[in-house]
């Protein structure tokens, strides 16, 4: 790898070129001068400030080989190829086995998927209906159970109340009967009417 050349040495070795002008031109054209001049920077500066020292352009190259035309000649004999148009070939002659097939398996698969979807939908609908019926049954059972409990309490209360009322009714009836009997005992029973004289 070529060592960088200092700007001072380059300007000195090429006819005491003005360093400021050389530095400005190199920097304006993308060449760094802070760490010396690279080989590319030296070549560009020579072409700009010392054109007489620039290398000579390369001579034009020779004509490309593509400009040459070559004839191979025809020293071959061609043969007529067979005509295969209209030929029928039975592929069965190359097979030794038979296979079970469905003419349109994709159509069958589509039908199966549609049927399976219908069945799955029916299953889901039945589950939903059963769950709805279960919820309604639970609700009805809860309502009836609460009412049955309330009715059982009312029956017990009715039994107690009717027993109390019946007892009181019996007591009052007995007392009334006693009072009536007492009043009846104050009088005498009427005598039987006398037979008429005959």
N, C-alpha and C. Protein backbone atom coordinates (compact mmCIF):
# COMPACT_ATOMS: atom_id res chain seq x y z
N UNK A 1 0.86 -1.19 0.00
CA UNK A 1 0.00 0.00 0.00
C UNK A 1 0.89 1.24 0.00
N UNK A 2 0.58 2.20 -0.87
CA UNK A 2 1.39 3.42 -1.00
C UNK A 2 1.14 4.34 0.17
N UNK A 3 2.22 4.86 0.75
CA UNK A 3 2.10 5.79 1.86
C UNK A 3 1.57 7.13 1.36
N UNK A 4 0.73 7.83 2.14
CA UNK A 4 0.24 9.14 1.70
C UNK A 4 1.41 10.14 1.56
N UNK A 5 1.25 11.04 0.62
CA UNK A 5 2.25 12.09 0.36
C UNK A 5 1.75 13.38 0.97
N UNK A 6 2.61 14.07 1.70
CA UNK A 6 2.18 15.33 2.31
C UNK A 6 1.91 16.37 1.23
N UNK A 7 0.98 17.26 1.52
CA UNK A 7 0.64 18.32 0.58
C UNK A 7 1.85 19.20 0.29
N UNK A 8 2.64 19.48 1.32
CA UNK A 8 3.83 20.31 1.16
C UNK A 8 4.82 19.66 0.20
N UNK A 9 5.06 18.33 0.40
CA UNK A 9 6.02 17.63 -0.45
C UNK A 9 5.52 17.57 -1.89
N UNK A 10 4.22 17.34 -2.07
CA UNK A 10 3.68 17.28 -3.43
C UNK A 10 3.87 18.61 -4.15
N UNK A 11 3.52 19.71 -3.48
CA UNK A 11 3.64 21.03 -4.12
C UNK A 11 5.09 21.38 -4.40
N UNK A 12 5.99 20.98 -3.52
CA UNK A 12 7.41 21.26 -3.70
C UNK A 12 7.97 20.47 -4.86
N UNK A 13 7.59 19.18 -4.95
CA UNK A 13 8.16 18.31 -5.98
C UNK A 13 7.58 18.58 -7.36
N UNK A 14 6.53 19.35 -7.45
CA UNK A 14 5.90 19.62 -8.74
C UNK A 14 5.92 21.10 -9.08
N UNK A 15 7.05 21.72 -8.87
CA UNK A 15 7.25 23.10 -9.32
C UNK A 15 6.73 24.14 -8.35
N UNK A 16 6.78 23.83 -7.07
CA UNK A 16 6.35 24.79 -6.04
C UNK A 16 4.92 25.29 -6.32
N UNK A 17 4.01 24.36 -6.42
CA UNK A 17 2.61 24.73 -6.63
C UNK A 17 2.06 25.41 -5.40
N UNK A 18 1.08 26.32 -5.54
CA UNK A 18 0.49 26.98 -4.37
C UNK A 18 -0.34 25.97 -3.56
N UNK A 19 0.05 25.76 -2.31
CA UNK A 19 -0.61 24.76 -1.48
C UNK A 19 -2.09 25.08 -1.25
N UNK A 20 -2.41 26.35 -1.07
CA UNK A 20 -3.79 26.74 -0.81
C UNK A 20 -4.69 26.38 -1.99
N UNK A 21 -4.22 26.65 -3.21
CA UNK A 21 -5.02 26.34 -4.39
C UNK A 21 -5.19 24.84 -4.57
N UNK A 22 -4.07 24.10 -4.34
CA UNK A 22 -4.14 22.65 -4.50
C UNK A 22 -5.08 22.05 -3.45
N UNK A 23 -4.94 22.49 -2.19
CA UNK A 23 -5.80 21.97 -1.13
C UNK A 23 -7.26 22.26 -1.42
N UNK A 24 -7.58 23.50 -1.83
CA UNK A 24 -8.97 23.86 -2.10
C UNK A 24 -9.55 23.01 -3.23
N UNK A 25 -8.76 22.84 -4.30
CA UNK A 25 -9.28 22.07 -5.43
C UNK A 25 -9.52 20.61 -5.05
N UNK A 26 -8.59 20.03 -4.31
CA UNK A 26 -8.75 18.64 -3.90
C UNK A 26 -9.95 18.46 -2.98
N UNK A 27 -10.11 19.39 -2.01
CA UNK A 27 -11.25 19.29 -1.10
C UNK A 27 -12.57 19.48 -1.83
N UNK A 28 -12.60 20.40 -2.79
CA UNK A 28 -13.83 20.63 -3.56
C UNK A 28 -14.20 19.41 -4.40
N UNK A 29 -13.23 18.58 -4.75
CA UNK A 29 -13.49 17.42 -5.59
C UNK A 29 -13.51 16.11 -4.80
N UNK A 30 -13.66 16.22 -3.47
CA UNK A 30 -13.88 15.04 -2.65
C UNK A 30 -12.64 14.34 -2.16
N UNK A 31 -11.46 14.94 -2.27
CA UNK A 31 -10.23 14.30 -1.79
C UNK A 31 -9.84 14.94 -0.47
N UNK A 32 -9.54 14.13 0.53
CA UNK A 32 -9.12 14.63 1.84
C UNK A 32 -7.62 14.92 1.82
N UNK A 33 -7.27 16.01 2.45
CA UNK A 33 -5.84 16.39 2.54
C UNK A 33 -5.36 16.44 3.98
N UNK A 34 -6.22 16.09 4.93
CA UNK A 34 -5.85 16.22 6.34
C UNK A 34 -4.76 15.24 6.74
N UNK A 35 -4.74 14.01 6.15
CA UNK A 35 -3.74 12.99 6.48
C UNK A 35 -2.78 12.76 5.33
N UNK A 36 -2.55 13.75 4.53
CA UNK A 36 -1.70 13.60 3.36
C UNK A 36 -2.53 13.25 2.14
N UNK A 37 -1.88 13.13 0.99
CA UNK A 37 -2.58 12.85 -0.26
C UNK A 37 -2.46 11.37 -0.60
N UNK A 38 -3.62 10.76 -0.89
CA UNK A 38 -3.61 9.37 -1.33
C UNK A 38 -3.13 9.30 -2.76
N UNK A 39 -2.91 8.06 -3.23
CA UNK A 39 -2.45 7.88 -4.61
C UNK A 39 -3.46 8.45 -5.59
N UNK A 40 -4.75 8.27 -5.32
CA UNK A 40 -5.78 8.82 -6.20
C UNK A 40 -5.76 10.34 -6.18
N UNK A 41 -5.54 10.92 -4.97
CA UNK A 41 -5.49 12.39 -4.87
C UNK A 41 -4.28 12.94 -5.62
N UNK A 42 -3.15 12.24 -5.53
CA UNK A 42 -1.95 12.67 -6.26
C UNK A 42 -2.20 12.62 -7.75
N UNK A 43 -2.80 11.53 -8.23
CA UNK A 43 -3.07 11.39 -9.66
C UNK A 43 -4.00 12.49 -10.15
N UNK A 44 -5.04 12.81 -9.35
CA UNK A 44 -5.98 13.86 -9.75
C UNK A 44 -5.31 15.23 -9.74
N UNK A 45 -4.46 15.48 -8.76
CA UNK A 45 -3.78 16.78 -8.69
C UNK A 45 -2.79 16.95 -9.83
N UNK A 46 -2.10 15.88 -10.22
CA UNK A 46 -1.17 15.96 -11.36
C UNK A 46 -1.94 16.27 -12.62
N UNK A 47 -3.09 15.57 -12.81
CA UNK A 47 -3.88 15.82 -14.02
C UNK A 47 -4.40 17.24 -14.06
N UNK A 48 -4.65 17.84 -12.88
CA UNK A 48 -5.20 19.20 -12.84
C UNK A 48 -4.12 20.27 -12.94
N UNK A 49 -3.02 20.10 -12.19
CA UNK A 49 -2.02 21.17 -12.10
C UNK A 49 -0.76 20.89 -12.93
N UNK A 50 -0.53 19.64 -13.30
CA UNK A 50 0.65 19.29 -14.10
C UNK A 50 0.23 18.36 -15.23
N UNK A 51 -0.59 18.81 -16.17
CA UNK A 51 -1.09 17.91 -17.20
C UNK A 51 0.02 17.30 -18.04
N UNK A 52 1.16 17.96 -18.13
CA UNK A 52 2.25 17.40 -18.91
C UNK A 52 2.84 16.15 -18.28
N UNK A 53 2.59 15.97 -16.97
CA UNK A 53 3.10 14.79 -16.28
C UNK A 53 2.08 13.65 -16.23
N UNK A 54 0.85 13.90 -16.68
CA UNK A 54 -0.19 12.88 -16.65
C UNK A 54 0.17 11.74 -17.58
N UNK A 55 -0.15 10.49 -17.27
CA UNK A 55 0.19 9.36 -18.13
C UNK A 55 -0.55 9.45 -19.46
N UNK A 56 0.08 8.90 -20.49
CA UNK A 56 -0.50 8.90 -21.84
C UNK A 56 -1.72 8.00 -21.86
N UNK A 57 -2.74 8.36 -22.61
CA UNK A 57 -3.90 7.48 -22.72
C UNK A 57 -3.55 6.19 -23.44
N UNK A 58 -4.20 5.13 -23.10
CA UNK A 58 -3.93 3.84 -23.70
C UNK A 58 -4.37 3.84 -25.16
N UNK A 59 -3.63 3.17 -26.03
CA UNK A 59 -4.01 3.10 -27.44
C UNK A 59 -5.31 2.33 -27.59
N UNK A 60 -6.04 2.58 -28.66
CA UNK A 60 -7.30 1.86 -28.86
C UNK A 60 -7.05 0.36 -29.02
N UNK A 61 -7.97 -0.41 -28.55
CA UNK A 61 -7.83 -1.87 -28.60
C UNK A 61 -8.14 -2.38 -30.00
N UNK A 62 -7.69 -3.60 -30.26
CA UNK A 62 -7.92 -4.23 -31.56
C UNK A 62 -9.40 -4.54 -31.72
N UNK A 63 -9.87 -4.73 -32.93
CA UNK A 63 -11.28 -5.05 -33.16
C UNK A 63 -11.66 -6.34 -32.41
N UNK A 64 -12.88 -6.35 -31.91
CA UNK A 64 -13.35 -7.52 -31.17
C UNK A 64 -13.55 -8.69 -32.11
N UNK A 65 -13.45 -9.89 -31.53
CA UNK A 65 -13.58 -11.09 -32.35
C UNK A 65 -15.00 -11.22 -32.91
N UNK A 66 -15.97 -10.51 -32.28
CA UNK A 66 -17.35 -10.61 -32.77
C UNK A 66 -17.50 -9.99 -34.15
N UNK A 67 -16.52 -9.18 -34.58
CA UNK A 67 -16.61 -8.56 -35.90
C UNK A 67 -16.25 -9.55 -37.01
N UNK A 68 -15.77 -10.73 -36.67
CA UNK A 68 -15.35 -11.72 -37.66
C UNK A 68 -16.50 -12.67 -37.93
N UNK A 69 -16.80 -12.94 -39.18
CA UNK A 69 -17.85 -13.87 -39.56
C UNK A 69 -17.22 -15.19 -39.99
N UNK A 70 -17.70 -16.28 -39.41
CA UNK A 70 -17.14 -17.61 -39.71
C UNK A 70 -18.25 -18.46 -40.29
N UNK A 71 -17.98 -19.09 -41.41
CA UNK A 71 -18.91 -20.02 -42.05
C UNK A 71 -18.42 -21.44 -41.79
N UNK A 72 -19.26 -22.24 -41.18
CA UNK A 72 -18.86 -23.62 -40.87
C UNK A 72 -19.08 -24.55 -42.05
N UNK A 73 -19.86 -24.14 -42.99
CA UNK A 73 -20.13 -25.03 -44.10
C UNK A 73 -21.16 -26.08 -43.72
N UNK A 74 -21.64 -26.84 -44.69
CA UNK A 74 -22.65 -27.86 -44.43
C UNK A 74 -22.18 -29.18 -45.03
N UNK A 75 -21.56 -29.98 -44.19
CA UNK A 75 -21.03 -31.26 -44.63
C UNK A 75 -21.78 -32.39 -43.93
N UNK A 76 -23.10 -32.20 -43.72
CA UNK A 76 -23.92 -33.22 -43.04
C UNK A 76 -25.08 -33.59 -43.95
N UNK A 77 -25.55 -34.82 -43.75
CA UNK A 77 -26.71 -35.30 -44.49
C UNK A 77 -27.87 -35.42 -43.52
N UNK A 78 -28.97 -34.74 -43.83
CA UNK A 78 -30.13 -34.78 -42.94
C UNK A 78 -31.04 -35.93 -43.32
N UNK A 79 -31.77 -36.42 -42.32
CA UNK A 79 -32.74 -37.49 -42.55
C UNK A 79 -34.13 -36.95 -42.24
N UNK A 80 -35.14 -37.54 -42.84
CA UNK A 80 -36.51 -37.13 -42.60
C UNK A 80 -36.98 -37.68 -41.26
N UNK A 81 -37.55 -36.81 -40.45
CA UNK A 81 -38.08 -37.22 -39.15
C UNK A 81 -39.48 -37.79 -39.33
N UNK A 82 -39.87 -38.75 -38.48
CA UNK A 82 -41.22 -39.29 -38.59
C UNK A 82 -42.25 -38.24 -38.19
N UNK A 83 -43.44 -38.34 -38.73
CA UNK A 83 -44.53 -37.42 -38.44
C UNK A 83 -45.40 -38.02 -37.34
N UNK A 84 -45.46 -37.35 -36.19
CA UNK A 84 -46.21 -37.87 -35.05
C UNK A 84 -47.60 -37.26 -34.94
N UNK A 85 -47.98 -36.42 -35.84
CA UNK A 85 -49.30 -35.80 -35.77
C UNK A 85 -50.38 -36.85 -35.95
N UNK A 86 -51.43 -36.78 -35.07
CA UNK A 86 -52.53 -37.74 -35.13
C UNK A 86 -52.22 -39.06 -34.49
N UNK A 87 -51.05 -39.20 -33.86
CA UNK A 87 -50.68 -40.46 -33.21
C UNK A 87 -51.49 -40.64 -31.93
N UNK A 88 -51.99 -41.82 -31.67
CA UNK A 88 -52.73 -42.14 -30.45
C UNK A 88 -51.91 -43.12 -29.63
N UNK A 89 -51.66 -42.77 -28.40
CA UNK A 89 -50.87 -43.62 -27.50
C UNK A 89 -51.75 -43.99 -26.31
N UNK A 90 -51.89 -45.27 -26.03
CA UNK A 90 -52.65 -45.75 -24.88
C UNK A 90 -51.68 -45.92 -23.72
N UNK A 91 -51.86 -45.09 -22.68
CA UNK A 91 -50.95 -45.17 -21.54
C UNK A 91 -51.14 -46.44 -20.73
N UNK A 92 -52.29 -47.12 -20.92
CA UNK A 92 -52.52 -48.35 -20.19
C UNK A 92 -51.48 -49.41 -20.47
N UNK A 93 -50.85 -49.35 -21.63
CA UNK A 93 -49.83 -50.34 -21.94
C UNK A 93 -48.60 -50.23 -21.06
N UNK A 94 -48.45 -49.09 -20.41
CA UNK A 94 -47.28 -48.90 -19.54
C UNK A 94 -47.58 -49.21 -18.08
N UNK A 95 -48.88 -49.52 -17.76
CA UNK A 95 -49.26 -49.74 -16.37
C UNK A 95 -49.50 -51.21 -16.11
N UNK A 96 -49.23 -51.65 -14.87
CA UNK A 96 -49.49 -53.02 -14.46
C UNK A 96 -50.46 -53.07 -13.29
N UNK A 97 -51.16 -51.98 -12.99
CA UNK A 97 -52.04 -51.95 -11.82
C UNK A 97 -53.27 -51.12 -12.12
N UNK A 98 -54.31 -51.30 -11.26
CA UNK A 98 -55.54 -50.53 -11.34
C UNK A 98 -55.74 -49.80 -10.03
N UNK A 99 -56.45 -48.69 -10.09
CA UNK A 99 -56.69 -47.90 -8.88
C UNK A 99 -58.17 -47.58 -8.78
N UNK A 100 -58.68 -47.55 -7.54
CA UNK A 100 -60.04 -47.10 -7.28
C UNK A 100 -60.03 -45.58 -7.20
N UNK A 101 -60.89 -44.93 -7.94
CA UNK A 101 -60.87 -43.48 -7.98
C UNK A 101 -62.29 -42.95 -7.83
N UNK A 102 -62.39 -41.69 -7.44
CA UNK A 102 -63.64 -40.92 -7.45
C UNK A 102 -63.47 -39.85 -8.50
N UNK A 103 -64.48 -39.73 -9.36
CA UNK A 103 -64.34 -38.83 -10.50
C UNK A 103 -63.99 -37.40 -10.08
N UNK A 104 -64.70 -36.88 -9.08
CA UNK A 104 -64.47 -35.49 -8.66
C UNK A 104 -64.34 -35.46 -7.14
N UNK A 105 -63.17 -35.81 -6.61
CA UNK A 105 -63.03 -35.89 -5.14
C UNK A 105 -63.23 -34.54 -4.46
N UNK A 106 -62.89 -33.45 -5.13
CA UNK A 106 -63.07 -32.14 -4.49
C UNK A 106 -64.56 -31.82 -4.32
N UNK A 107 -65.39 -32.21 -5.30
CA UNK A 107 -66.83 -31.98 -5.18
C UNK A 107 -67.39 -32.83 -4.05
N UNK A 108 -66.92 -34.08 -3.94
CA UNK A 108 -67.37 -34.95 -2.85
C UNK A 108 -66.96 -34.36 -1.50
N UNK A 109 -65.74 -33.87 -1.43
CA UNK A 109 -65.26 -33.26 -0.19
C UNK A 109 -66.11 -32.04 0.17
N UNK A 110 -66.47 -31.25 -0.83
CA UNK A 110 -67.30 -30.06 -0.57
C UNK A 110 -68.67 -30.46 -0.04
N UNK A 111 -69.26 -31.52 -0.65
CA UNK A 111 -70.55 -32.00 -0.16
C UNK A 111 -70.44 -32.51 1.27
N UNK A 112 -69.36 -33.23 1.54
CA UNK A 112 -69.16 -33.75 2.90
C UNK A 112 -69.05 -32.60 3.90
N UNK A 113 -68.27 -31.57 3.55
CA UNK A 113 -68.09 -30.44 4.45
C UNK A 113 -69.42 -29.72 4.70
N UNK A 114 -70.22 -29.55 3.62
CA UNK A 114 -71.52 -28.89 3.80
C UNK A 114 -72.43 -29.72 4.71
N UNK A 115 -72.46 -31.04 4.48
CA UNK A 115 -73.28 -31.91 5.32
C UNK A 115 -72.81 -31.89 6.77
N UNK A 116 -71.49 -31.96 6.95
CA UNK A 116 -70.94 -31.93 8.31
C UNK A 116 -71.28 -30.61 8.99
N UNK A 117 -71.23 -29.50 8.24
CA UNK A 117 -71.60 -28.20 8.82
C UNK A 117 -73.06 -28.20 9.25
N UNK A 118 -73.95 -28.79 8.42
CA UNK A 118 -75.37 -28.85 8.79
C UNK A 118 -75.56 -29.67 10.07
N UNK A 119 -74.86 -30.82 10.14
CA UNK A 119 -74.98 -31.66 11.33
C UNK A 119 -74.46 -30.94 12.56
N UNK A 120 -73.32 -30.30 12.41
CA UNK A 120 -72.76 -29.56 13.54
C UNK A 120 -73.70 -28.44 13.98
N UNK A 121 -74.31 -27.77 13.00
CA UNK A 121 -75.27 -26.72 13.35
C UNK A 121 -76.47 -27.28 14.09
N UNK A 122 -76.98 -28.46 13.62
CA UNK A 122 -78.11 -29.09 14.29
C UNK A 122 -77.74 -29.50 15.71
N UNK A 123 -76.54 -30.05 15.89
CA UNK A 123 -76.09 -30.42 17.23
C UNK A 123 -76.03 -29.20 18.15
N UNK A 124 -75.47 -28.12 17.63
CA UNK A 124 -75.36 -26.90 18.44
C UNK A 124 -76.75 -26.35 18.76
N UNK A 125 -77.68 -26.37 17.78
CA UNK A 125 -79.03 -25.88 18.03
C UNK A 125 -79.74 -26.73 19.08
N UNK A 126 -79.54 -28.07 19.00
CA UNK A 126 -80.19 -28.95 19.98
C UNK A 126 -79.65 -28.70 21.38
N UNK A 127 -78.33 -28.53 21.49
CA UNK A 127 -77.75 -28.22 22.79
C UNK A 127 -78.32 -26.92 23.33
N UNK A 128 -78.41 -25.90 22.45
CA UNK A 128 -78.94 -24.61 22.89
C UNK A 128 -80.39 -24.75 23.35
N UNK A 129 -81.21 -25.54 22.60
CA UNK A 129 -82.61 -25.73 23.00
C UNK A 129 -82.71 -26.47 24.33
N UNK A 130 -81.84 -27.49 24.50
CA UNK A 130 -81.87 -28.23 25.76
C UNK A 130 -81.44 -27.35 26.93
N UNK A 131 -80.44 -26.54 26.72
CA UNK A 131 -80.01 -25.62 27.78
C UNK A 131 -81.10 -24.61 28.11
N UNK A 132 -81.79 -24.12 27.07
CA UNK A 132 -82.90 -23.19 27.30
C UNK A 132 -84.02 -23.86 28.10
N UNK A 133 -84.36 -25.12 27.72
CA UNK A 133 -85.39 -25.86 28.45
C UNK A 133 -84.96 -26.12 29.88
N UNK A 134 -83.67 -26.43 30.08
CA UNK A 134 -83.17 -26.65 31.44
C UNK A 134 -83.28 -25.39 32.28
N UNK A 135 -82.91 -24.23 31.67
CA UNK A 135 -83.02 -22.97 32.42
C UNK A 135 -84.48 -22.68 32.78
N UNK A 136 -85.41 -22.91 31.81
CA UNK A 136 -86.82 -22.67 32.10
C UNK A 136 -87.33 -23.61 33.19
N UNK A 137 -86.89 -24.89 33.13
CA UNK A 137 -87.31 -25.86 34.15
C UNK A 137 -86.79 -25.46 35.53
N UNK A 138 -85.54 -25.02 35.58
CA UNK A 138 -84.99 -24.58 36.87
C UNK A 138 -85.76 -23.39 37.40
N UNK A 139 -86.09 -22.46 36.49
CA UNK A 139 -86.83 -21.28 36.92
C UNK A 139 -88.22 -21.68 37.44
N UNK A 140 -88.90 -22.58 36.68
CA UNK A 140 -90.22 -23.04 37.11
C UNK A 140 -90.15 -23.79 38.42
N UNK A 141 -89.14 -24.66 38.54
CA UNK A 141 -89.00 -25.44 39.78
C UNK A 141 -88.76 -24.52 40.97
N UNK A 142 -87.91 -23.50 40.74
CA UNK A 142 -87.65 -22.57 41.83
C UNK A 142 -88.89 -21.82 42.25
N UNK A 143 -89.68 -21.38 41.25
CA UNK A 143 -90.91 -20.64 41.55
C UNK A 143 -91.91 -21.53 42.28
N UNK A 144 -92.09 -22.77 41.78
CA UNK A 144 -93.04 -23.69 42.39
C UNK A 144 -92.60 -24.09 43.79
N UNK A 145 -91.29 -24.32 43.95
CA UNK A 145 -90.79 -24.72 45.28
C UNK A 145 -91.04 -23.61 46.29
N UNK A 146 -90.84 -22.36 45.89
CA UNK A 146 -91.10 -21.26 46.81
C UNK A 146 -92.58 -21.17 47.16
N UNK A 147 -93.43 -21.35 46.13
CA UNK A 147 -94.88 -21.29 46.39
C UNK A 147 -95.32 -22.48 47.22
N UNK A 148 -94.75 -23.66 46.96
CA UNK A 148 -95.12 -24.85 47.75
C UNK A 148 -94.74 -24.66 49.21
N UNK A 149 -93.58 -24.06 49.46
CA UNK A 149 -93.17 -23.80 50.83
C UNK A 149 -94.13 -22.80 51.50
N UNK A 150 -94.49 -21.79 50.71
CA UNK A 150 -95.44 -20.80 51.24
C UNK A 150 -96.79 -21.45 51.54
N UNK A 151 -97.27 -22.35 50.63
CA UNK A 151 -98.53 -23.06 50.85
C UNK A 151 -98.47 -23.95 52.07
N UNK A 152 -97.34 -24.64 52.27
CA UNK A 152 -97.20 -25.51 53.44
C UNK A 152 -97.29 -24.70 54.72
N UNK A 153 -96.67 -23.51 54.73
CA UNK A 153 -96.77 -22.65 55.92
C UNK A 153 -98.21 -22.20 56.14
N UNK A 154 -98.89 -21.84 55.04
CA UNK A 154 -100.29 -21.41 55.15
C UNK A 154 -101.17 -22.56 55.67
N UNK A 155 -100.89 -23.80 55.25
CA UNK A 155 -101.68 -24.95 55.72
C UNK A 155 -101.50 -25.16 57.22
N UNK A 156 -100.27 -25.06 57.68
CA UNK A 156 -100.03 -25.23 59.12
C UNK A 156 -100.72 -24.12 59.91
N UNK A 157 -100.62 -22.90 59.40
CA UNK A 157 -101.27 -21.78 60.08
C UNK A 157 -102.80 -21.96 60.08
N UNK A 158 -103.33 -22.44 58.95
CA UNK A 158 -104.77 -22.68 58.84
C UNK A 158 -105.21 -23.75 59.84
N UNK A 159 -104.40 -24.81 59.96
CA UNK A 159 -104.75 -25.89 60.90
C UNK A 159 -104.81 -25.35 62.32
N UNK A 160 -103.81 -24.54 62.68
CA UNK A 160 -103.79 -23.98 64.04
C UNK A 160 -104.97 -23.03 64.26
N UNK A 161 -105.22 -22.19 63.23
CA UNK A 161 -106.30 -21.21 63.40
C UNK A 161 -107.67 -21.88 63.46
N UNK A 162 -107.89 -22.87 62.58
CA UNK A 162 -109.20 -23.56 62.59
C UNK A 162 -109.39 -24.34 63.88
N UNK A 163 -108.31 -24.91 64.40
CA UNK A 163 -108.43 -25.64 65.67
C UNK A 163 -108.84 -24.69 66.80
N UNK A 164 -108.21 -23.51 66.79
CA UNK A 164 -108.55 -22.53 67.83
C UNK A 164 -109.99 -22.04 67.67
N UNK A 165 -110.35 -21.76 66.40
CA UNK A 165 -111.71 -21.26 66.15
C UNK A 165 -112.74 -22.32 66.49
N UNK A 166 -112.49 -23.58 66.08
CA UNK A 166 -113.43 -24.67 66.36
C UNK A 166 -113.58 -24.89 67.87
N UNK A 167 -112.48 -24.82 68.56
CA UNK A 167 -112.54 -25.00 70.02
C UNK A 167 -113.37 -23.89 70.67
N UNK A 168 -113.10 -22.67 70.18
CA UNK A 168 -113.87 -21.54 70.72
C UNK A 168 -115.35 -21.67 70.37
N UNK A 169 -115.61 -22.10 69.11
CA UNK A 169 -117.00 -22.29 68.67
C UNK A 169 -117.70 -23.35 69.52
N UNK A 170 -116.99 -24.45 69.79
CA UNK A 170 -117.58 -25.52 70.62
C UNK A 170 -117.86 -25.01 72.04
N UNK A 171 -116.92 -24.26 72.59
CA UNK A 171 -117.10 -23.72 73.94
C UNK A 171 -118.31 -22.80 73.99
N UNK A 172 -118.42 -21.93 73.00
CA UNK A 172 -119.53 -20.99 72.99
C UNK A 172 -120.85 -21.71 72.78
N UNK A 173 -120.84 -22.73 71.92
CA UNK A 173 -122.08 -23.49 71.67
C UNK A 173 -122.51 -24.25 72.93
N UNK A 174 -121.59 -24.83 73.64
CA UNK A 174 -121.89 -25.54 74.88
C UNK A 174 -122.47 -24.59 75.91
N UNK A 175 -121.85 -23.42 76.02
CA UNK A 175 -122.34 -22.42 76.99
C UNK A 175 -123.75 -21.97 76.63
N UNK A 176 -124.00 -21.79 75.31
CA UNK A 176 -125.34 -21.39 74.87
C UNK A 176 -126.36 -22.48 75.17
N UNK A 177 -125.98 -23.73 74.92
CA UNK A 177 -126.89 -24.84 75.20
C UNK A 177 -127.22 -24.93 76.69
N UNK A 178 -126.21 -24.72 77.52
CA UNK A 178 -126.43 -24.74 78.96
C UNK A 178 -127.40 -23.64 79.37
N UNK A 179 -127.24 -22.47 78.81
CA UNK A 179 -128.13 -21.35 79.15
C UNK A 179 -129.56 -21.63 78.73
N UNK A 180 -129.69 -22.23 77.53
CA UNK A 180 -131.04 -22.58 77.05
C UNK A 180 -131.68 -23.63 77.96
N UNK A 181 -130.90 -24.60 78.38
CA UNK A 181 -131.43 -25.65 79.25
C UNK A 181 -131.85 -25.08 80.60
N UNK A 182 -131.07 -24.18 81.08
CA UNK A 182 -131.38 -23.55 82.36
C UNK A 182 -132.71 -22.78 82.28
N UNK A 183 -132.88 -22.08 81.18
CA UNK A 183 -134.13 -21.35 81.02
C UNK A 183 -135.33 -22.31 80.91
N UNK A 184 -135.13 -23.41 80.25
CA UNK A 184 -136.21 -24.38 80.07
C UNK A 184 -136.59 -25.03 81.40
N UNK A 185 -135.62 -25.17 82.28
CA UNK A 185 -135.90 -25.82 83.58
C UNK A 185 -136.77 -24.95 84.50
N UNK A 186 -136.90 -23.70 84.18
CA UNK A 186 -137.71 -22.83 85.03
C UNK A 186 -139.22 -23.07 84.84
N UNK A 187 -139.63 -23.62 83.80
CA UNK A 187 -141.05 -23.86 83.54
C UNK A 187 -141.39 -25.34 83.66
N UNK A 188 -142.74 -25.63 83.58
CA UNK A 188 -143.20 -27.01 83.64
C UNK A 188 -143.65 -27.41 82.26
N UNK A 189 -143.56 -28.66 82.01
CA UNK A 189 -144.05 -29.10 80.71
C UNK A 189 -145.57 -29.04 80.65
N UNK A 190 -146.13 -28.64 79.63
CA UNK A 190 -147.58 -28.53 79.50
C UNK A 190 -148.23 -29.91 79.58
N UNK A 191 -149.49 -29.95 80.23
CA UNK A 191 -150.20 -31.24 80.42
C UNK A 191 -150.85 -31.65 79.12
N UNK A 192 -151.09 -32.95 79.03
CA UNK A 192 -151.71 -33.47 77.83
C UNK A 192 -153.19 -33.05 77.82
N UNK A 193 -153.78 -32.66 76.76
CA UNK A 193 -155.20 -32.28 76.72
C UNK A 193 -156.13 -33.43 77.15
N UNK A 194 -157.21 -33.06 77.96
CA UNK A 194 -158.15 -34.10 78.49
C UNK A 194 -159.00 -34.65 77.37
N UNK A 195 -159.34 -35.89 77.56
CA UNK A 195 -160.19 -36.52 76.56
C UNK A 195 -161.62 -35.98 76.69
N UNK A 196 -162.23 -35.82 75.69
CA UNK A 196 -163.63 -35.34 75.69
C UNK A 196 -164.55 -36.44 76.28
N UNK A 197 -165.58 -36.01 77.11
CA UNK A 197 -166.49 -36.95 77.77
C UNK A 197 -167.34 -37.64 76.70
N UNK A 198 -167.56 -38.88 77.01
CA UNK A 198 -168.31 -39.62 76.03
C UNK A 198 -169.49 -40.28 76.57
